[in-house]
């Protein structure tokens, strides 16, 4: 009886607060849903005016933005699906370094063709993710702790494989696929990123697996009681994450022409280029909530911001500060969404 009374009092107090009224919650949700698109449009307008002598709005520069967004996109799809299932994958740097070094070993040292090399790198990344999932599923280690722990080990393994030397990518093949092949004059790597997005979108919203991913992220115990194979879901999402990160490593290595000992998505960049767009796009840190398509706008926003700053010759410190503020904004928006969800429940 006392517990019911306490619940009623709490609910009544919530109704009295202006910020918990349905109209106010709807207004805040609308602002959160549309503010990022508006901010991106404003950025494009401002940069077009300020950097018009640097050809910001030229087709060539817009393609540059899309090319930069490719690696961001793959990192975002990797992080997003794992987070929707309630897991944070922090092994991105390790996996991308292994993918980059293995690409150099297979393509340059062993003489494999471009397609077999790509398939081999993705297969190796999947095996790596299975070990990570083994720690999470079988040893019950929290995903964030497990992936941080293995991240350094994966980097060490990659450095051992290449004897701590970078490998120059001098053979033709990979560059012809990812850079020189340009349907509609847009590099194939951009189209591939969008293909991965389309696959993830269909999987999440039009398959039973997608429903299970959301259910696992919302409440793993409840999902398990309802017949969801939670362990299988975790393994699949981590394998997806590893393949996406491997593709980011492959494309980054191909563009740079040299293997990446520091990864294409690691360190400071991982916070901004993976977590930032994921949370700006509405994915909860606690899983079970978020729409994949909203992250396309978030990816575009981050890359438009950086491209404009680069064209205006901003220093590295200014660019990192701007990215840090974006990450802080993403955290605040994610927290606001979570509070609205709690009030509504």
C-alpha atoms as a PDB file:
ATOM      1  CA  UNK A   1       0.000   0.000   0.000  1.00  0.00           C
ATOM      2  CA  UNK A   2       2.782   2.395   0.961  1.00  0.00           C
ATOM      3  CA  UNK A   3       4.667   1.529  -2.198  1.00  0.00           C
ATOM      4  CA  UNK A   4       1.624   2.277  -4.383  1.00  0.00           C
ATOM      5  CA  UNK A   5       1.155   5.583  -2.574  1.00  0.00           C
ATOM      6  CA  UNK A   6       4.785   6.515  -3.194  1.00  0.00           C
ATOM      7  CA  UNK A   7       4.426   5.699  -6.894  1.00  0.00           C
ATOM      8  CA  UNK A   8       1.269   7.843  -7.153  1.00  0.00           C
ATOM      9  CA  UNK A   9       2.951  10.764  -5.405  1.00  0.00           C
ATOM     10  CA  UNK A  10       5.959  10.507  -7.727  1.00  0.00           C
ATOM     11  CA  UNK A  11       3.766  10.424 -10.809  1.00  0.00           C
ATOM     12  CA  UNK A  12       1.739  13.367  -9.565  1.00  0.00           C
ATOM     13  CA  UNK A  13       4.865  15.419  -8.909  1.00  0.00           C
ATOM     14  CA  UNK A  14       6.055  14.734 -12.446  1.00  0.00           C
ATOM     15  CA  UNK A  15       2.815  16.042 -13.865  1.00  0.00           C
ATOM     16  CA  UNK A  16       3.265  19.301 -11.991  1.00  0.00           C
ATOM     17  CA  UNK A  17       6.587  20.083 -13.657  1.00  0.00           C
ATOM     18  CA  UNK A  18       6.225  22.123 -16.838  1.00  0.00           C
ATOM     19  CA  UNK A  19       9.082  20.321 -18.537  1.00  0.00           C
ATOM     20  CA  UNK A  20       7.324  16.954 -18.217  1.00  0.00           C
ATOM     21  CA  UNK A  21       4.122  18.023 -19.943  1.00  0.00           C
ATOM     22  CA  UNK A  22       3.328  16.099 -23.162  1.00  0.00           C
ATOM     23  CA  UNK A  23       3.432  19.293 -25.228  1.00  0.00           C
ATOM     24  CA  UNK A  24       6.873  20.265 -23.931  1.00  0.00           C
ATOM     25  CA  UNK A  25       8.238  16.742 -24.408  1.00  0.00           C
ATOM     26  CA  UNK A  26       6.940  16.702 -27.983  1.00  0.00           C
ATOM     27  CA  UNK A  27       8.573  20.077 -28.643  1.00  0.00           C
ATOM     28  CA  UNK A  28      11.934  18.925 -27.266  1.00  0.00           C
ATOM     29  CA  UNK A  29      11.759  15.716 -29.310  1.00  0.00           C
ATOM     30  CA  UNK A  30      11.003  17.691 -32.452  1.00  0.00           C
ATOM     31  CA  UNK A  31      13.978  19.964 -31.806  1.00  0.00           C
ATOM     32  CA  UNK A  32      16.261  17.005 -31.196  1.00  0.00           C
ATOM     33  CA  UNK A  33      15.051  15.324 -34.392  1.00  0.00           C
ATOM     34  CA  UNK A  34      15.484  18.339 -36.677  1.00  0.00           C
ATOM     35  CA  UNK A  35      18.205  20.465 -35.104  1.00  0.00           C
ATOM     36  CA  UNK A  36      21.086  18.475 -36.617  1.00  0.00           C
ATOM     37  CA  UNK A  37      19.753  18.761 -40.158  1.00  0.00           C
ATOM     38  CA  UNK A  38      19.192  22.488 -39.652  1.00  0.00           C
ATOM     39  CA  UNK A  39      22.706  22.873 -38.235  1.00  0.00           C
ATOM     40  CA  UNK A  40      24.172  21.059 -41.250  1.00  0.00           C
ATOM     41  CA  UNK A  41      22.311  23.297 -43.690  1.00  0.00           C
ATOM     42  CA  UNK A  42      23.465  26.393 -41.775  1.00  0.00           C
ATOM     43  CA  UNK A  43      27.070  25.137 -41.820  1.00  0.00           C
ATOM     44  CA  UNK A  44      26.927  24.596 -45.580  1.00  0.00           C
ATOM     45  CA  UNK A  45      25.535  28.118 -46.119  1.00  0.00           C
ATOM     46  CA  UNK A  46      28.123  29.738 -43.819  1.00  0.00           C
ATOM     47  CA  UNK A  47      31.061  27.852 -45.361  1.00  0.00           C
ATOM     48  CA  UNK A  48      29.798  28.584 -48.887  1.00  0.00           C
ATOM     49  CA  UNK A  49      29.913  32.303 -48.087  1.00  0.00           C
ATOM     50  CA  UNK A  50      33.090  32.391 -46.003  1.00  0.00           C
ATOM     51  CA  UNK A  51      35.085  29.873 -48.056  1.00  0.00           C
ATOM     52  CA  UNK A  52      33.737  30.700 -51.507  1.00  0.00           C
ATOM     53  CA  UNK A  53      37.239  31.561 -52.737  1.00  0.00           C
ATOM     54  CA  UNK A  54      38.295  28.048 -51.647  1.00  0.00           C
ATOM     55  CA  UNK A  55      35.519  26.373 -53.668  1.00  0.00           C
ATOM     56  CA  UNK A  56      33.756  24.821 -50.693  1.00  0.00           C
ATOM     57  CA  UNK A  57      30.538  24.217 -52.627  1.00  0.00           C
ATOM     58  CA  UNK A  58      32.268  22.849 -55.720  1.00  0.00           C
ATOM     59  CA  UNK A  59      31.518  19.309 -56.887  1.00  0.00           C
ATOM     60  CA  UNK A  60      35.108  18.268 -56.249  1.00  0.00           C
ATOM     61  CA  UNK A  61      35.010  19.413 -52.628  1.00  0.00           C
ATOM     62  CA  UNK A  62      31.613  17.827 -52.027  1.00  0.00           C
ATOM     63  CA  UNK A  63      33.090  14.554 -53.266  1.00  0.00           C
ATOM     64  CA  UNK A  64      35.986  15.080 -50.846  1.00  0.00           C
ATOM     65  CA  UNK A  65      33.451  15.417 -48.005  1.00  0.00           C
ATOM     66  CA  UNK A  66      31.766  12.184 -49.092  1.00  0.00           C
ATOM     67  CA  UNK A  67      35.117  10.394 -49.277  1.00  0.00           C
ATOM     68  CA  UNK A  68      36.004  11.572 -45.768  1.00  0.00           C
ATOM     69  CA  UNK A  69      32.550  10.454 -44.625  1.00  0.00           C
ATOM     70  CA  UNK A  70      33.199   6.939 -45.888  1.00  0.00           C
ATOM     71  CA  UNK A  71      35.498   5.883 -43.052  1.00  0.00           C
ATOM     72  CA  UNK A  72      33.291   7.757 -40.574  1.00  0.00           C
ATOM     73  CA  UNK A  73      30.297   5.915 -41.984  1.00  0.00           C
ATOM     74  CA  UNK A  74      31.797   2.453 -41.649  1.00  0.00           C
ATOM     75  CA  UNK A  75      32.922   3.228 -38.084  1.00  0.00           C
ATOM     76  CA  UNK A  76      29.426   4.525 -37.292  1.00  0.00           C
ATOM     77  CA  UNK A  77      27.619   1.477 -38.695  1.00  0.00           C
ATOM     78  CA  UNK A  78      29.991  -0.701 -36.669  1.00  0.00           C
ATOM     79  CA  UNK A  79      29.407   1.137 -33.410  1.00  0.00           C
ATOM     80  CA  UNK A  80      25.681   1.751 -33.920  1.00  0.00           C
ATOM     81  CA  UNK A  81      24.547  -1.849 -34.378  1.00  0.00           C
ATOM     82  CA  UNK A  82      26.648  -3.028 -31.435  1.00  0.00           C
ATOM     83  CA  UNK A  83      25.255  -0.231 -29.225  1.00  0.00           C
ATOM     84  CA  UNK A  84      21.671  -0.975 -30.261  1.00  0.00           C
ATOM     85  CA  UNK A  85      22.257  -4.463 -28.845  1.00  0.00           C
ATOM     86  CA  UNK A  86      23.507  -2.927 -25.595  1.00  0.00           C
ATOM     87  CA  UNK A  87      27.264  -3.285 -26.191  1.00  0.00           C
ATOM     88  CA  UNK A  88      29.999  -0.706 -26.713  1.00  0.00           C
ATOM     89  CA  UNK A  89      32.765  -1.983 -28.989  1.00  0.00           C
ATOM     90  CA  UNK A  90      36.007  -0.171 -28.162  1.00  0.00           C
ATOM     91  CA  UNK A  91      38.229  -2.593 -30.083  1.00  0.00           C
ATOM     92  CA  UNK A  92      37.926  -0.534 -33.276  1.00  0.00           C
ATOM     93  CA  UNK A  93      41.534   0.603 -33.347  1.00  0.00           C
ATOM     94  CA  UNK A  94      42.882  -2.911 -32.832  1.00  0.00           C
ATOM     95  CA  UNK A  95      40.662  -4.456 -35.490  1.00  0.00           C
ATOM     96  CA  UNK A  96      41.425  -1.711 -38.031  1.00  0.00           C
ATOM     97  CA  UNK A  97      45.187  -2.064 -37.439  1.00  0.00           C
ATOM     98  CA  UNK A  98      44.996  -5.849 -37.900  1.00  0.00           C
ATOM     99  CA  UNK A  99      42.944  -5.330 -41.071  1.00  0.00           C
ATOM    100  CA  UNK A 100      45.437  -2.802 -42.444  1.00  0.00           C
ATOM    101  CA  UNK A 101      48.537  -4.871 -41.661  1.00  0.00           C
ATOM    102  CA  UNK A 102      46.950  -8.080 -42.940  1.00  0.00           C
ATOM    103  CA  UNK A 103      45.998  -6.298 -46.148  1.00  0.00           C
ATOM    104  CA  UNK A 104      49.631  -5.289 -46.624  1.00  0.00           C
ATOM    105  CA  UNK A 105      50.862  -8.816 -45.881  1.00  0.00           C
ATOM    106  CA  UNK A 106      48.399 -10.578 -48.197  1.00  0.00           C
ATOM    107  CA  UNK A 107      48.314  -8.042 -51.018  1.00  0.00           C
ATOM    108  CA  UNK A 108      51.982  -6.987 -51.128  1.00  0.00           C
ATOM    109  CA  UNK A 109      53.957  -9.795 -49.476  1.00  0.00           C
ATOM    110  CA  UNK A 110      51.898 -12.818 -50.575  1.00  0.00           C
ATOM    111  CA  UNK A 111      50.763 -11.398 -53.915  1.00  0.00           C
ATOM    112  CA  UNK A 112      47.049 -12.081 -53.437  1.00  0.00           C
ATOM    113  CA  UNK A 113      44.560 -10.403 -55.756  1.00  0.00           C
ATOM    114  CA  UNK A 114      42.453  -7.457 -54.582  1.00  0.00           C
ATOM    115  CA  UNK A 115      39.169  -9.353 -54.060  1.00  0.00           C
ATOM    116  CA  UNK A 116      40.733 -12.377 -52.258  1.00  0.00           C
ATOM    117  CA  UNK A 117      42.669  -9.931 -50.056  1.00  0.00           C
ATOM    118  CA  UNK A 118      39.501  -8.040 -49.094  1.00  0.00           C
ATOM    119  CA  UNK A 119      37.657 -11.293 -48.334  1.00  0.00           C
ATOM    120  CA  UNK A 120      40.619 -12.644 -46.359  1.00  0.00           C
ATOM    121  CA  UNK A 121      40.882  -9.483 -44.255  1.00  0.00           C
ATOM    122  CA  UNK A 122      37.144  -9.513 -43.505  1.00  0.00           C
ATOM    123  CA  UNK A 123      37.277 -13.223 -42.574  1.00  0.00           C
ATOM    124  CA  UNK A 124      40.193 -12.601 -40.200  1.00  0.00           C
ATOM    125  CA  UNK A 125      38.318  -9.692 -38.628  1.00  0.00           C
ATOM    126  CA  UNK A 126      35.325 -11.950 -38.021  1.00  0.00           C
ATOM    127  CA  UNK A 127      37.568 -14.484 -36.261  1.00  0.00           C
ATOM    128  CA  UNK A 128      38.952 -11.694 -34.086  1.00  0.00           C
ATOM    129  CA  UNK A 129      35.412 -10.587 -33.190  1.00  0.00           C
ATOM    130  CA  UNK A 130      34.487 -14.150 -32.205  1.00  0.00           C
ATOM    131  CA  UNK A 131      37.262 -14.093 -29.611  1.00  0.00           C
ATOM    132  CA  UNK A 132      35.961 -10.775 -28.291  1.00  0.00           C
ATOM    133  CA  UNK A 133      32.425 -12.151 -28.118  1.00  0.00           C
ATOM    134  CA  UNK A 134      33.761 -15.220 -26.284  1.00  0.00           C
ATOM    135  CA  UNK A 135      34.991 -12.946 -23.488  1.00  0.00           C
ATOM    136  CA  UNK A 136      31.677 -11.100 -23.328  1.00  0.00           C
ATOM    137  CA  UNK A 137      29.306 -14.051 -23.688  1.00  0.00           C
ATOM    138  CA  UNK A 138      31.154 -16.883 -21.961  1.00  0.00           C
ATOM    139  CA  UNK A 139      33.147 -15.003 -19.323  1.00  0.00           C
ATOM    140  CA  UNK A 140      30.421 -12.386 -18.741  1.00  0.00           C
ATOM    141  CA  UNK A 141      32.902  -9.520 -18.987  1.00  0.00           C
ATOM    142  CA  UNK A 142      31.143  -6.183 -19.699  1.00  0.00           C
ATOM    143  CA  UNK A 143      31.564  -5.280 -23.362  1.00  0.00           C
ATOM    144  CA  UNK A 144      33.294  -1.953 -22.742  1.00  0.00           C
ATOM    145  CA  UNK A 145      35.857  -3.557 -20.410  1.00  0.00           C
ATOM    146  CA  UNK A 146      36.428  -6.559 -22.698  1.00  0.00           C
ATOM    147  CA  UNK A 147      36.892  -4.504 -25.864  1.00  0.00           C
ATOM    148  CA  UNK A 148      39.241  -2.037 -24.182  1.00  0.00           C
ATOM    149  CA  UNK A 149      41.271  -4.974 -22.871  1.00  0.00           C
ATOM    150  CA  UNK A 150      41.611  -6.723 -26.238  1.00  0.00           C
ATOM    151  CA  UNK A 151      42.156  -3.526 -28.206  1.00  0.00           C
ATOM    152  CA  UNK A 152      45.781  -3.167 -27.136  1.00  0.00           C
ATOM    153  CA  UNK A 153      46.410  -6.876 -27.675  1.00  0.00           C
ATOM    154  CA  UNK A 154      45.134  -6.673 -31.241  1.00  0.00           C
ATOM    155  CA  UNK A 155      47.427  -3.720 -31.952  1.00  0.00           C
ATOM    156  CA  UNK A 156      50.383  -5.671 -30.514  1.00  0.00           C
ATOM    157  CA  UNK A 157      49.544  -8.703 -32.668  1.00  0.00           C
ATOM    158  CA  UNK A 158      49.377  -6.528 -35.777  1.00  0.00           C
ATOM    159  CA  UNK A 159      52.737  -4.932 -34.990  1.00  0.00           C
ATOM    160  CA  UNK A 160      54.244  -8.381 -34.482  1.00  0.00           C
ATOM    161  CA  UNK A 161      52.917  -9.508 -37.869  1.00  0.00           C
ATOM    162  CA  UNK A 162      54.626  -6.617 -39.656  1.00  0.00           C
ATOM    163  CA  UNK A 163      57.694  -6.472 -37.367  1.00  0.00           C
ATOM    164  CA  UNK A 164      56.625  -2.923 -36.465  1.00  0.00           C
ATOM    165  CA  UNK A 165      57.204  -1.716 -40.039  1.00  0.00           C
ATOM    166  CA  UNK A 166      54.665  -0.139 -42.333  1.00  0.00           C
ATOM    167  CA  UNK A 167      54.099  -1.666 -45.767  1.00  0.00           C
ATOM    168  CA  UNK A 168      53.762   0.475 -48.883  1.00  0.00           C
ATOM    169  CA  UNK A 169      50.835  -0.473 -51.133  1.00  0.00           C
ATOM    170  CA  UNK A 170      52.373  -0.164 -54.609  1.00  0.00           C
ATOM    171  CA  UNK A 171      50.537  -2.789 -56.663  1.00  0.00           C
ATOM    172  CA  UNK A 172      47.476  -1.794 -58.705  1.00  0.00           C
ATOM    173  CA  UNK A 173      44.170  -3.390 -57.853  1.00  0.00           C
ATOM    174  CA  UNK A 174      42.800  -1.958 -54.628  1.00  0.00           C
ATOM    175  CA  UNK A 175      43.073   1.642 -55.793  1.00  0.00           C
ATOM    176  CA  UNK A 176      41.224   0.763 -58.979  1.00  0.00           C
ATOM    177  CA  UNK A 177      38.302  -0.594 -56.943  1.00  0.00           C
ATOM    178  CA  UNK A 178      37.938   1.961 -54.165  1.00  0.00           C
ATOM    179  CA  UNK A 179      39.220   5.188 -55.724  1.00  0.00           C
ATOM    180  CA  UNK A 180      39.414   5.094 -59.519  1.00  0.00           C
ATOM    181  CA  UNK A 181      36.146   3.214 -60.078  1.00  0.00           C
ATOM    182  CA  UNK A 182      33.652   6.107 -59.942  1.00  0.00           C
ATOM    183  CA  UNK A 183      29.987   5.456 -60.792  1.00  0.00           C
ATOM    184  CA  UNK A 184      28.376   8.870 -61.394  1.00  0.00           C
ATOM    185  CA  UNK A 185      31.863  10.326 -60.744  1.00  0.00           C
ATOM    186  CA  UNK A 186      31.662   9.328 -57.070  1.00  0.00           C
ATOM    187  CA  UNK A 187      34.256   6.845 -55.713  1.00  0.00           C
ATOM    188  CA  UNK A 188      33.003   3.297 -55.221  1.00  0.00           C
ATOM    189  CA  UNK A 189      34.044   3.421 -51.553  1.00  0.00           C
ATOM    190  CA  UNK A 190      31.244   5.966 -50.955  1.00  0.00           C
ATOM    191  CA  UNK A 191      28.702   3.731 -52.713  1.00  0.00           C
ATOM    192  CA  UNK A 192      29.955   0.760 -50.692  1.00  0.00           C
ATOM    193  CA  UNK A 193      29.421   2.660 -47.446  1.00  0.00           C
ATOM    194  CA  UNK A 194      25.839   3.390 -48.539  1.00  0.00           C
ATOM    195  CA  UNK A 195      25.343  -0.278 -49.498  1.00  0.00           C
ATOM    196  CA  UNK A 196      26.414  -1.316 -45.993  1.00  0.00           C
ATOM    197  CA  UNK A 197      23.975   1.255 -44.599  1.00  0.00           C
ATOM    198  CA  UNK A 198      21.156  -0.162 -46.730  1.00  0.00           C
ATOM    199  CA  UNK A 199      21.939  -3.697 -45.609  1.00  0.00           C
ATOM    200  CA  UNK A 200      21.994  -2.654 -41.950  1.00  0.00           C
ATOM    201  CA  UNK A 201      18.744  -0.694 -42.382  1.00  0.00           C
ATOM    202  CA  UNK A 202      16.932  -3.696 -43.867  1.00  0.00           C
ATOM    203  CA  UNK A 203      18.370  -6.006 -41.218  1.00  0.00           C
ATOM    204  CA  UNK A 204      17.341  -3.780 -38.311  1.00  0.00           C
ATOM    205  CA  UNK A 205      13.849  -2.818 -39.427  1.00  0.00           C
ATOM    206  CA  UNK A 206      12.643  -5.651 -41.655  1.00  0.00           C
ATOM    207  CA  UNK A 207      14.000  -8.870 -40.130  1.00  0.00           C
ATOM    208  CA  UNK A 208      13.479 -10.881 -36.970  1.00  0.00           C
ATOM    209  CA  UNK A 209      17.169 -10.427 -36.165  1.00  0.00           C
ATOM    210  CA  UNK A 210      16.684  -6.655 -36.098  1.00  0.00           C
ATOM    211  CA  UNK A 211      13.813  -6.981 -33.629  1.00  0.00           C
ATOM    212  CA  UNK A 212      15.987  -9.238 -31.481  1.00  0.00           C
ATOM    213  CA  UNK A 213      18.833  -6.683 -31.561  1.00  0.00           C
ATOM    214  CA  UNK A 214      16.526  -3.951 -30.262  1.00  0.00           C
ATOM    215  CA  UNK A 215      15.018  -6.281 -27.674  1.00  0.00           C
ATOM    216  CA  UNK A 216      18.467  -7.331 -26.429  1.00  0.00           C
ATOM    217  CA  UNK A 217      19.571  -3.730 -26.091  1.00  0.00           C
ATOM    218  CA  UNK A 218      16.395  -2.673 -24.305  1.00  0.00           C
ATOM    219  CA  UNK A 219      16.535  -5.465 -21.720  1.00  0.00           C
ATOM    220  CA  UNK A 220      18.639  -8.563 -22.281  1.00  0.00           C
ATOM    221  CA  UNK A 221      17.023 -10.549 -19.464  1.00  0.00           C
ATOM    222  CA  UNK A 222      13.495  -9.848 -20.701  1.00  0.00           C
ATOM    223  CA  UNK A 223      14.546 -10.674 -24.263  1.00  0.00           C
ATOM    224  CA  UNK A 224      16.029 -13.964 -23.080  1.00  0.00           C
ATOM    225  CA  UNK A 225      12.808 -14.862 -21.244  1.00  0.00           C
ATOM    226  CA  UNK A 226      10.902 -14.176 -24.474  1.00  0.00           C
ATOM    227  CA  UNK A 227      12.951 -16.670 -26.424  1.00  0.00           C
ATOM    228  CA  UNK A 228      15.624 -14.396 -27.908  1.00  0.00           C
ATOM    229  CA  UNK A 229      19.037 -16.008 -28.240  1.00  0.00           C
ATOM    230  CA  UNK A 230      20.866 -13.077 -26.666  1.00  0.00           C
ATOM    231  CA  UNK A 231      24.312 -14.658 -26.955  1.00  0.00           C
ATOM    232  CA  UNK A 232      23.800 -15.201 -30.680  1.00  0.00           C
ATOM    233  CA  UNK A 233      22.686 -11.589 -31.114  1.00  0.00           C
ATOM    234  CA  UNK A 234      25.803 -10.295 -29.343  1.00  0.00           C
ATOM    235  CA  UNK A 235      28.094 -12.433 -31.494  1.00  0.00           C
ATOM    236  CA  UNK A 236      26.413 -11.345 -34.734  1.00  0.00           C
ATOM    237  CA  UNK A 237      26.553  -7.640 -33.874  1.00  0.00           C
ATOM    238  CA  UNK A 238      30.232  -7.881 -32.939  1.00  0.00           C
ATOM    239  CA  UNK A 239      30.986  -9.710 -36.200  1.00  0.00           C
ATOM    240  CA  UNK A 240      29.161  -6.967 -38.090  1.00  0.00           C
ATOM    241  CA  UNK A 241      31.163  -4.362 -36.199  1.00  0.00           C
ATOM    242  CA  UNK A 242      34.450  -6.096 -37.079  1.00  0.00           C
ATOM    243  CA  UNK A 243      33.608  -6.296 -40.795  1.00  0.00           C
ATOM    244  CA  UNK A 244      32.666  -2.601 -40.913  1.00  0.00           C
ATOM    245  CA  UNK A 245      35.844  -1.589 -39.092  1.00  0.00           C
ATOM    246  CA  UNK A 246      37.879  -3.843 -41.397  1.00  0.00           C
ATOM    247  CA  UNK A 247      36.379  -2.072 -44.420  1.00  0.00           C
ATOM    248  CA  UNK A 248      37.343   1.276 -42.866  1.00  0.00           C
ATOM    249  CA  UNK A 249      40.890  -0.034 -42.430  1.00  0.00           C
ATOM    250  CA  UNK A 250      41.043  -1.361 -46.000  1.00  0.00           C
ATOM    251  CA  UNK A 251      39.814   1.892 -47.526  1.00  0.00           C
ATOM    252  CA  UNK A 252      42.040   4.031 -45.300  1.00  0.00           C
ATOM    253  CA  UNK A 253      45.085   1.929 -46.203  1.00  0.00           C
ATOM    254  CA  UNK A 254      44.266   2.069 -49.917  1.00  0.00           C
ATOM    255  CA  UNK A 255      43.900   5.847 -49.877  1.00  0.00           C
ATOM    256  CA  UNK A 256      47.042   6.433 -47.863  1.00  0.00           C
ATOM    257  CA  UNK A 257      49.086   3.894 -49.847  1.00  0.00           C
ATOM    258  CA  UNK A 258      50.622   2.562 -46.639  1.00  0.00           C
ATOM    259  CA  UNK A 259      49.529   0.301 -43.785  1.00  0.00           C
ATOM    260  CA  UNK A 260      48.176   2.059 -40.713  1.00  0.00           C
ATOM    261  CA  UNK A 261      49.920   1.170 -37.463  1.00  0.00           C
ATOM    262  CA  UNK A 262      47.648   3.576 -35.610  1.00  0.00           C
ATOM    263  CA  UNK A 263      44.410   2.458 -37.205  1.00  0.00           C
ATOM    264  CA  UNK A 264      41.827   4.378 -39.220  1.00  0.00           C
ATOM    265  CA  UNK A 265      39.279   4.720 -36.441  1.00  0.00           C
ATOM    266  CA  UNK A 266      41.292   4.669 -33.258  1.00  0.00           C
ATOM    267  CA  UNK A 267      42.452   6.933 -30.455  1.00  0.00           C
ATOM    268  CA  UNK A 268      40.890  10.366 -30.210  1.00  0.00           C
ATOM    269  CA  UNK A 269      39.164   9.951 -33.585  1.00  0.00           C
ATOM    270  CA  UNK A 270      37.113   7.030 -32.297  1.00  0.00           C
ATOM    271  CA  UNK A 271      35.305   9.309 -29.864  1.00  0.00           C
ATOM    272  CA  UNK A 272      34.329  11.799 -32.535  1.00  0.00           C
ATOM    273  CA  UNK A 273      34.064   9.712 -35.679  1.00  0.00           C
ATOM    274  CA  UNK A 274      32.225   6.764 -34.126  1.00  0.00           C
ATOM    275  CA  UNK A 275      30.563   7.758 -30.858  1.00  0.00           C
ATOM    276  CA  UNK A 276      29.756  11.297 -31.981  1.00  0.00           C
ATOM    277  CA  UNK A 277      27.600  10.494 -35.035  1.00  0.00           C
ATOM    278  CA  UNK A 278      26.066   7.483 -33.291  1.00  0.00           C
ATOM    279  CA  UNK A 279      24.782   9.541 -30.376  1.00  0.00           C
ATOM    280  CA  UNK A 280      23.984  12.596 -32.473  1.00  0.00           C
ATOM    281  CA  UNK A 281      21.862  10.224 -34.540  1.00  0.00           C
ATOM    282  CA  UNK A 282      19.867   9.204 -31.485  1.00  0.00           C
ATOM    283  CA  UNK A 283      21.300   5.839 -30.384  1.00  0.00           C
ATOM    284  CA  UNK A 284      21.171   5.441 -26.626  1.00  0.00           C
ATOM    285  CA  UNK A 285      24.330   4.595 -24.710  1.00  0.00           C
ATOM    286  CA  UNK A 286      22.255   1.930 -22.955  1.00  0.00           C
ATOM    287  CA  UNK A 287      21.015   0.314 -26.162  1.00  0.00           C
ATOM    288  CA  UNK A 288      17.605  -0.552 -27.539  1.00  0.00           C
ATOM    289  CA  UNK A 289      16.779   2.859 -29.024  1.00  0.00           C
ATOM    290  CA  UNK A 290      17.817   4.815 -32.115  1.00  0.00           C
ATOM    291  CA  UNK A 291      17.279   5.077 -35.872  1.00  0.00           C
ATOM    292  CA  UNK A 292      20.083   4.301 -38.280  1.00  0.00           C
ATOM    293  CA  UNK A 293      19.036   6.814 -40.924  1.00  0.00           C
ATOM    294  CA  UNK A 294      19.430   9.733 -38.505  1.00  0.00           C
ATOM    295  CA  UNK A 295      23.143   8.970 -38.401  1.00  0.00           C
ATOM    296  CA  UNK A 296      23.560   9.817 -42.086  1.00  0.00           C
ATOM    297  CA  UNK A 297      22.832  13.437 -41.194  1.00  0.00           C
ATOM    298  CA  UNK A 298      25.168  13.210 -38.181  1.00  0.00           C
ATOM    299  CA  UNK A 299      27.994  11.828 -40.355  1.00  0.00           C
ATOM    300  CA  UNK A 300      27.459  14.590 -42.902  1.00  0.00           C
ATOM    301  CA  UNK A 301      27.427  17.247 -40.147  1.00  0.00           C
ATOM    302  CA  UNK A 302      30.746  16.106 -38.642  1.00  0.00           C
ATOM    303  CA  UNK A 303      32.502  15.905 -42.004  1.00  0.00           C
ATOM    304  CA  UNK A 304      31.126  19.222 -43.291  1.00  0.00           C
ATOM    305  CA  UNK A 305      32.346  20.854 -40.067  1.00  0.00           C
ATOM    306  CA  UNK A 306      35.855  19.428 -40.409  1.00  0.00           C
ATOM    307  CA  UNK A 307      36.092  20.100 -44.137  1.00  0.00           C
ATOM    308  CA  UNK A 308      35.152  23.765 -43.715  1.00  0.00           C
ATOM    309  CA  UNK A 309      37.620  24.236 -40.877  1.00  0.00           C
ATOM    310  CA  UNK A 310      40.355  22.606 -42.951  1.00  0.00           C
ATOM    311  CA  UNK A 311      39.651  24.866 -45.950  1.00  0.00           C
ATOM    312  CA  UNK A 312      39.887  27.898 -43.671  1.00  0.00           C
ATOM    313  CA  UNK A 313      43.304  26.651 -42.485  1.00  0.00           C
ATOM    314  CA  UNK A 314      42.199  26.118 -38.899  1.00  0.00           C
ATOM    315  CA  UNK A 315      44.876  24.707 -36.625  1.00  0.00           C
ATOM    316  CA  UNK A 316      44.784  21.123 -35.385  1.00  0.00           C
ATOM    317  CA  UNK A 317      43.935  22.423 -31.915  1.00  0.00           C
ATOM    318  CA  UNK A 318      40.900  24.315 -33.188  1.00  0.00           C
ATOM    319  CA  UNK A 319      39.664  21.314 -35.183  1.00  0.00           C
ATOM    320  CA  UNK A 320      40.063  18.986 -32.198  1.00  0.00           C
ATOM    321  CA  UNK A 321      38.329  21.516 -29.938  1.00  0.00           C
ATOM    322  CA  UNK A 322      35.412  21.747 -32.366  1.00  0.00           C
ATOM    323  CA  UNK A 323      35.193  17.955 -32.525  1.00  0.00           C
ATOM    324  CA  UNK A 324      35.326  17.751 -28.745  1.00  0.00           C
ATOM    325  CA  UNK A 325      32.418  20.187 -28.505  1.00  0.00           C
ATOM    326  CA  UNK A 326      30.496  18.060 -31.005  1.00  0.00           C
ATOM    327  CA  UNK A 327      31.116  15.011 -28.833  1.00  0.00           C
ATOM    328  CA  UNK A 328      29.940  16.920 -25.743  1.00  0.00           C
ATOM    329  CA  UNK A 329      26.819  18.006 -27.634  1.00  0.00           C
ATOM    330  CA  UNK A 330      26.201  14.388 -28.620  1.00  0.00           C
ATOM    331  CA  UNK A 331      26.418  13.305 -24.971  1.00  0.00           C
ATOM    332  CA  UNK A 332      23.979  16.020 -23.897  1.00  0.00           C
ATOM    333  CA  UNK A 333      21.509  15.143 -26.663  1.00  0.00           C
ATOM    334  CA  UNK A 334      21.721  11.448 -25.798  1.00  0.00           C
ATOM    335  CA  UNK A 335      21.161  12.187 -22.113  1.00  0.00           C
ATOM    336  CA  UNK A 336      18.156  14.390 -22.942  1.00  0.00           C
ATOM    337  CA  UNK A 337      16.620  11.639 -25.065  1.00  0.00           C
ATOM    338  CA  UNK A 338      17.098   9.132 -22.235  1.00  0.00           C
ATOM    339  CA  UNK A 339      15.447  11.499 -19.727  1.00  0.00           C
ATOM    340  CA  UNK A 340      12.462  12.000 -22.045  1.00  0.00           C
ATOM    341  CA  UNK A 341      12.120   8.220 -22.430  1.00  0.00           C
ATOM    342  CA  UNK A 342      12.152   7.789 -18.631  1.00  0.00           C
ATOM    343  CA  UNK A 343       9.548  10.497 -18.090  1.00  0.00           C
ATOM    344  CA  UNK A 344       7.266   8.973 -20.719  1.00  0.00           C
ATOM    345  CA  UNK A 345       7.584   5.555 -19.146  1.00  0.00           C
END
